[in-house]
Amino acid sequence: MSQWPATKARRVLAALLRIGWRIKRQVSGSHRILARPGWADVVFAFHDNEELGPRMLVRVAKQTGLKPEDL
């Protein structure tokens, strides 16, 4: 079983902001460009109420350094 629980995108974005990411630009409705010093920019393209499953959270974590305990 995965250590990542299914989580709403709103909660994932809040966790990313807590660990040092900031919204560099909001392109359109759900597309946000996130920036953090020392990391490549990341496109976060999920609606707030969208639920992200464990596999998608693993992908986001690889790009951002997010850990399960950050949620």
Protein backbone atom coordinates (compact mmCIF):
# COMPACT_ATOMS: atom_id res chain seq x y z
CA MET A 1 0.00 0.00 0.00
CA SER A 2 1.20 3.50 -0.82
CA GLN A 3 2.23 5.91 1.89
CA TRP A 4 0.48 8.68 -0.07
CA PRO A 5 -3.24 9.10 0.66
CA ALA A 6 -5.64 10.44 -1.97
CA THR A 7 -5.83 14.17 -1.28
CA LYS A 8 -7.63 17.24 -2.64
CA ALA A 9 -5.47 19.50 -4.82
CA ARG A 10 -6.25 22.46 -2.53
CA ARG A 11 -4.53 20.66 0.36
CA VAL A 12 -1.52 19.69 -1.78
CA LEU A 13 -1.07 23.29 -2.95
CA ALA A 14 -1.28 24.55 0.65
CA ALA A 15 1.41 22.03 1.67
CA LEU A 16 3.66 23.16 -1.18
CA LEU A 17 3.28 26.79 -0.13
CA ARG A 18 4.18 25.82 3.46
CA ILE A 19 7.43 24.13 2.39
CA GLY A 20 8.64 27.17 0.49
CA TRP A 21 7.02 27.15 -2.94
CA ARG A 22 5.31 30.33 -4.11
CA ILE A 23 2.87 31.05 -6.92
CA LYS A 24 4.95 32.75 -9.57
CA ARG A 25 2.10 33.15 -12.03
CA GLN A 26 -1.47 31.96 -12.45
CA VAL A 27 -1.92 31.39 -16.16
CA SER A 28 -5.60 30.43 -16.39
CA GLY A 29 -8.26 28.83 -14.20
CA SER A 30 -6.36 25.89 -12.74
CA HIS A 31 -2.84 26.39 -14.13
CA ARG A 32 -0.35 27.86 -11.68
CA ILE A 33 3.41 28.18 -12.12
CA LEU A 34 5.16 27.47 -8.81
CA ALA A 35 8.70 28.62 -8.06
CA ARG A 36 11.21 27.85 -5.32
CA PRO A 37 14.87 28.90 -5.14
CA GLY A 38 17.14 26.05 -6.22
CA TRP A 39 14.34 24.13 -7.97
CA ALA A 40 12.98 24.18 -11.51
CA ASP A 41 9.59 25.87 -11.92
CA VAL A 42 6.63 23.48 -11.69
CA VAL A 43 3.25 23.73 -13.41
CA PHE A 44 0.49 22.86 -10.94
CA ALA A 45 -2.56 22.27 -13.17
CA PHE A 46 -5.28 20.93 -10.89
CA HIS A 47 -8.62 22.41 -9.86
CA ASP A 48 -8.92 22.93 -6.09
CA ASN A 49 -11.62 20.28 -5.59
CA GLU A 50 -9.90 17.69 -7.79
CA GLU A 51 -8.71 14.64 -5.89
CA LEU A 52 -5.13 13.54 -6.53
CA GLY A 53 -4.44 9.85 -6.13
CA PRO A 54 -1.29 8.26 -4.73
CA ARG A 55 0.40 7.86 -8.14
CA MET A 56 -0.09 11.52 -9.07
CA LEU A 57 1.16 12.59 -5.64
CA VAL A 58 4.36 10.58 -6.22
CA ARG A 59 4.88 12.48 -9.49
CA VAL A 60 4.30 15.84 -7.78
CA ALA A 61 6.65 14.83 -4.95
CA LYS A 62 9.49 14.00 -7.36
CA GLN A 63 9.25 17.47 -8.90
CA THR A 64 8.77 19.43 -5.67
CA GLY A 65 10.33 17.57 -2.74
CA LEU A 66 6.93 17.11 -1.06
CA LYS A 67 6.78 14.37 1.58
CA PRO A 68 3.72 12.54 2.97
CA GLU A 69 4.21 14.18 6.38
CA ASP A 70 3.97 17.64 4.73
CA LEU A 71 0.31 17.04 3.96
